[in-house]
């Protein structure tokens, strides 16, 4: 079962700029976003997080698991 944009956005609600995010993807690649914040939903429907200087677009269907800490 793959993650949906809605479930990922729900999990990312905990991101407030004070916690780090680690995303592991299906093919063993990973991404770490320090002091991550969820960008509110926009018309494009993409799931986006930011560290304040970069924006990361997350393909929900490729996410294997996430760690918020």
N, C-alpha and C. Protein backbone atom coordinates (compact mmCIF):
# COMPACT_ATOMS: atom_id res chain seq x y z
N UNK A 1 0.84 -1.17 0.00
CA UNK A 1 0.00 0.00 0.00
C UNK A 1 0.89 1.24 0.00
N UNK A 2 0.65 2.13 -0.93
CA UNK A 2 1.44 3.35 -0.98
C UNK A 2 0.74 4.47 -0.22
N UNK A 3 1.51 5.45 0.17
CA UNK A 3 0.99 6.60 0.89
C UNK A 3 0.31 7.54 -0.11
N UNK A 4 -0.73 8.21 0.34
CA UNK A 4 -1.40 9.19 -0.51
C UNK A 4 -0.96 10.60 -0.12
N UNK A 5 -1.24 11.55 -0.98
CA UNK A 5 -0.92 12.94 -0.66
C UNK A 5 -1.63 13.37 0.63
N UNK A 6 -2.86 12.94 0.81
CA UNK A 6 -3.63 13.33 2.00
C UNK A 6 -3.02 12.77 3.28
N UNK A 7 -2.63 11.48 3.28
CA UNK A 7 -2.05 10.89 4.49
C UNK A 7 -0.68 11.49 4.79
N UNK A 8 0.08 11.77 3.75
CA UNK A 8 1.39 12.39 3.94
C UNK A 8 1.23 13.80 4.51
N UNK A 9 0.31 14.56 3.96
CA UNK A 9 0.06 15.91 4.46
C UNK A 9 -0.40 15.86 5.92
N UNK A 10 -1.21 14.87 6.27
CA UNK A 10 -1.66 14.70 7.65
C UNK A 10 -0.47 14.44 8.58
N UNK A 11 0.43 13.56 8.17
CA UNK A 11 1.61 13.27 8.98
C UNK A 11 2.53 14.48 9.09
N UNK A 12 2.65 15.24 8.03
CA UNK A 12 3.54 16.40 8.02
C UNK A 12 2.99 17.59 8.81
N UNK A 13 1.76 17.51 9.29
CA UNK A 13 1.22 18.62 10.09
C UNK A 13 2.05 18.89 11.34
N UNK A 14 2.82 17.90 11.78
CA UNK A 14 3.66 18.05 12.97
C UNK A 14 4.90 18.90 12.70
N UNK A 15 5.19 19.18 11.44
CA UNK A 15 6.39 19.94 11.10
C UNK A 15 6.15 21.42 11.35
N UNK A 16 6.92 21.99 12.26
CA UNK A 16 6.70 23.36 12.68
C UNK A 16 7.96 24.22 12.60
N UNK A 17 8.97 23.73 11.88
CA UNK A 17 10.21 24.47 11.76
C UNK A 17 11.19 24.18 12.88
N UNK A 18 10.82 23.33 13.82
CA UNK A 18 11.70 22.99 14.93
C UNK A 18 12.09 21.52 14.93
N UNK A 19 11.57 20.76 13.97
CA UNK A 19 11.85 19.33 13.90
C UNK A 19 12.44 18.99 12.54
N UNK A 20 13.25 17.95 12.50
CA UNK A 20 13.84 17.48 11.25
C UNK A 20 12.96 16.39 10.65
N UNK A 21 13.04 16.28 9.34
CA UNK A 21 12.26 15.28 8.60
C UNK A 21 13.21 14.40 7.81
N UNK A 22 13.03 13.10 7.92
CA UNK A 22 13.77 12.15 7.09
C UNK A 22 12.75 11.33 6.32
N UNK A 23 12.92 11.29 5.01
CA UNK A 23 12.02 10.53 4.14
C UNK A 23 12.82 9.44 3.46
N UNK A 24 12.36 8.21 3.56
CA UNK A 24 12.96 7.08 2.83
C UNK A 24 12.01 6.72 1.70
N UNK A 25 12.57 6.58 0.52
CA UNK A 25 11.77 6.26 -0.66
C UNK A 25 11.89 4.78 -1.01
N UNK A 26 11.00 4.31 -1.84
CA UNK A 26 10.93 2.90 -2.22
C UNK A 26 12.26 2.32 -2.71
N UNK A 27 13.06 3.09 -3.38
CA UNK A 27 14.28 2.56 -3.98
C UNK A 27 15.52 2.90 -3.16
N UNK A 28 15.35 2.97 -1.84
CA UNK A 28 16.45 3.13 -0.88
C UNK A 28 17.12 4.50 -0.90
N UNK A 29 16.58 5.44 -1.63
CA UNK A 29 17.12 6.79 -1.54
C UNK A 29 16.43 7.51 -0.39
N UNK A 30 17.09 8.54 0.15
CA UNK A 30 16.50 9.24 1.28
C UNK A 30 16.73 10.74 1.13
N UNK A 31 15.99 11.49 1.93
CA UNK A 31 16.08 12.95 1.93
C UNK A 31 15.91 13.41 3.38
N UNK A 32 16.78 14.31 3.80
CA UNK A 32 16.68 14.89 5.14
C UNK A 32 16.46 16.38 5.00
N UNK A 33 15.43 16.88 5.67
CA UNK A 33 15.13 18.31 5.67
C UNK A 33 15.23 18.79 7.11
N UNK A 34 16.22 19.62 7.38
CA UNK A 34 16.42 20.16 8.72
C UNK A 34 15.40 21.27 8.99
N UNK A 35 14.87 21.29 10.20
CA UNK A 35 13.91 22.32 10.63
C UNK A 35 12.78 22.47 9.59
N UNK A 36 12.18 21.37 9.26
CA UNK A 36 11.18 21.31 8.19
C UNK A 36 9.84 21.94 8.59
N UNK A 37 9.21 22.52 7.59
CA UNK A 37 7.86 23.09 7.75
C UNK A 37 7.02 22.64 6.55
N UNK A 38 5.79 22.28 6.81
CA UNK A 38 4.85 21.93 5.75
C UNK A 38 4.35 23.21 5.10
N UNK A 39 4.39 23.26 3.79
CA UNK A 39 3.82 24.39 3.06
C UNK A 39 2.33 24.12 2.90
N UNK A 40 1.47 25.07 3.24
CA UNK A 40 0.02 24.85 3.11
C UNK A 40 -0.36 24.44 1.68
N UNK A 41 -1.46 23.70 1.58
CA UNK A 41 -1.92 23.21 0.28
C UNK A 41 -2.10 24.36 -0.70
N UNK A 42 -1.64 24.13 -1.91
CA UNK A 42 -1.76 25.12 -2.99
C UNK A 42 -2.57 24.51 -4.12
N UNK A 43 -2.91 25.32 -5.09
CA UNK A 43 -3.75 24.89 -6.21
C UNK A 43 -3.13 23.74 -7.01
N UNK A 44 -1.80 23.61 -7.00
CA UNK A 44 -1.15 22.55 -7.78
C UNK A 44 -1.31 21.17 -7.15
N UNK A 45 -1.74 21.10 -5.88
CA UNK A 45 -2.01 19.82 -5.21
C UNK A 45 -0.77 19.06 -4.77
N UNK A 46 0.42 19.64 -4.94
CA UNK A 46 1.66 18.95 -4.57
C UNK A 46 1.91 19.06 -3.07
N UNK A 47 2.57 18.04 -2.51
CA UNK A 47 2.97 18.07 -1.10
C UNK A 47 4.37 18.69 -1.07
N UNK A 48 4.49 19.82 -0.35
CA UNK A 48 5.75 20.54 -0.30
C UNK A 48 6.14 20.82 1.15
N UNK A 49 7.44 20.66 1.42
CA UNK A 49 8.00 21.06 2.70
C UNK A 49 9.17 22.00 2.43
N UNK A 50 9.52 22.79 3.42
CA UNK A 50 10.62 23.74 3.26
C UNK A 50 11.48 23.77 4.51
N UNK A 51 12.73 24.16 4.33
CA UNK A 51 13.62 24.41 5.45
C UNK A 51 13.84 25.91 5.63
N UNK A 52 13.09 26.70 4.89
CA UNK A 52 13.21 28.15 4.93
C UNK A 52 14.02 28.72 3.78
N UNK A 53 14.84 27.88 3.16
CA UNK A 53 15.62 28.35 2.01
C UNK A 53 15.42 27.49 0.77
N UNK A 54 14.95 26.27 0.94
CA UNK A 54 14.67 25.37 -0.17
C UNK A 54 13.25 24.82 -0.03
N UNK A 55 12.63 24.49 -1.15
CA UNK A 55 11.33 23.84 -1.17
C UNK A 55 11.52 22.44 -1.72
N UNK A 56 10.99 21.45 -1.02
CA UNK A 56 11.08 20.05 -1.44
C UNK A 56 9.68 19.57 -1.80
N UNK A 57 9.54 19.02 -3.01
CA UNK A 57 8.27 18.46 -3.45
C UNK A 57 8.36 16.95 -3.26
N UNK A 58 7.40 16.39 -2.53
CA UNK A 58 7.45 14.98 -2.16
C UNK A 58 6.42 14.19 -2.95
N UNK A 59 6.88 13.16 -3.66
CA UNK A 59 6.01 12.25 -4.39
C UNK A 59 5.50 11.20 -3.40
N UNK A 60 4.29 11.40 -2.93
CA UNK A 60 3.74 10.55 -1.86
C UNK A 60 3.74 9.07 -2.21
N UNK A 61 3.53 8.74 -3.46
CA UNK A 61 3.44 7.33 -3.85
C UNK A 61 4.77 6.60 -3.76
N UNK A 62 5.88 7.32 -3.72
CA UNK A 62 7.21 6.69 -3.64
C UNK A 62 7.75 6.63 -2.22
N UNK A 63 7.04 7.21 -1.25
CA UNK A 63 7.52 7.23 0.14
C UNK A 63 7.33 5.85 0.78
N UNK A 64 8.42 5.32 1.31
CA UNK A 64 8.34 4.04 2.04
C UNK A 64 8.03 4.32 3.51
N UNK A 65 8.72 5.30 4.12
CA UNK A 65 8.46 5.68 5.50
C UNK A 65 9.06 7.05 5.77
N UNK A 66 8.62 7.66 6.87
CA UNK A 66 9.14 8.96 7.28
C UNK A 66 9.51 8.93 8.75
N UNK A 67 10.44 9.79 9.12
CA UNK A 67 10.83 9.97 10.53
C UNK A 67 10.79 11.47 10.82
N UNK A 68 10.07 11.84 11.85
CA UNK A 68 10.00 13.23 12.29
C UNK A 68 10.65 13.28 13.66
N UNK A 69 11.66 14.10 13.80
CA UNK A 69 12.33 14.13 15.10
C UNK A 69 13.06 15.40 15.37
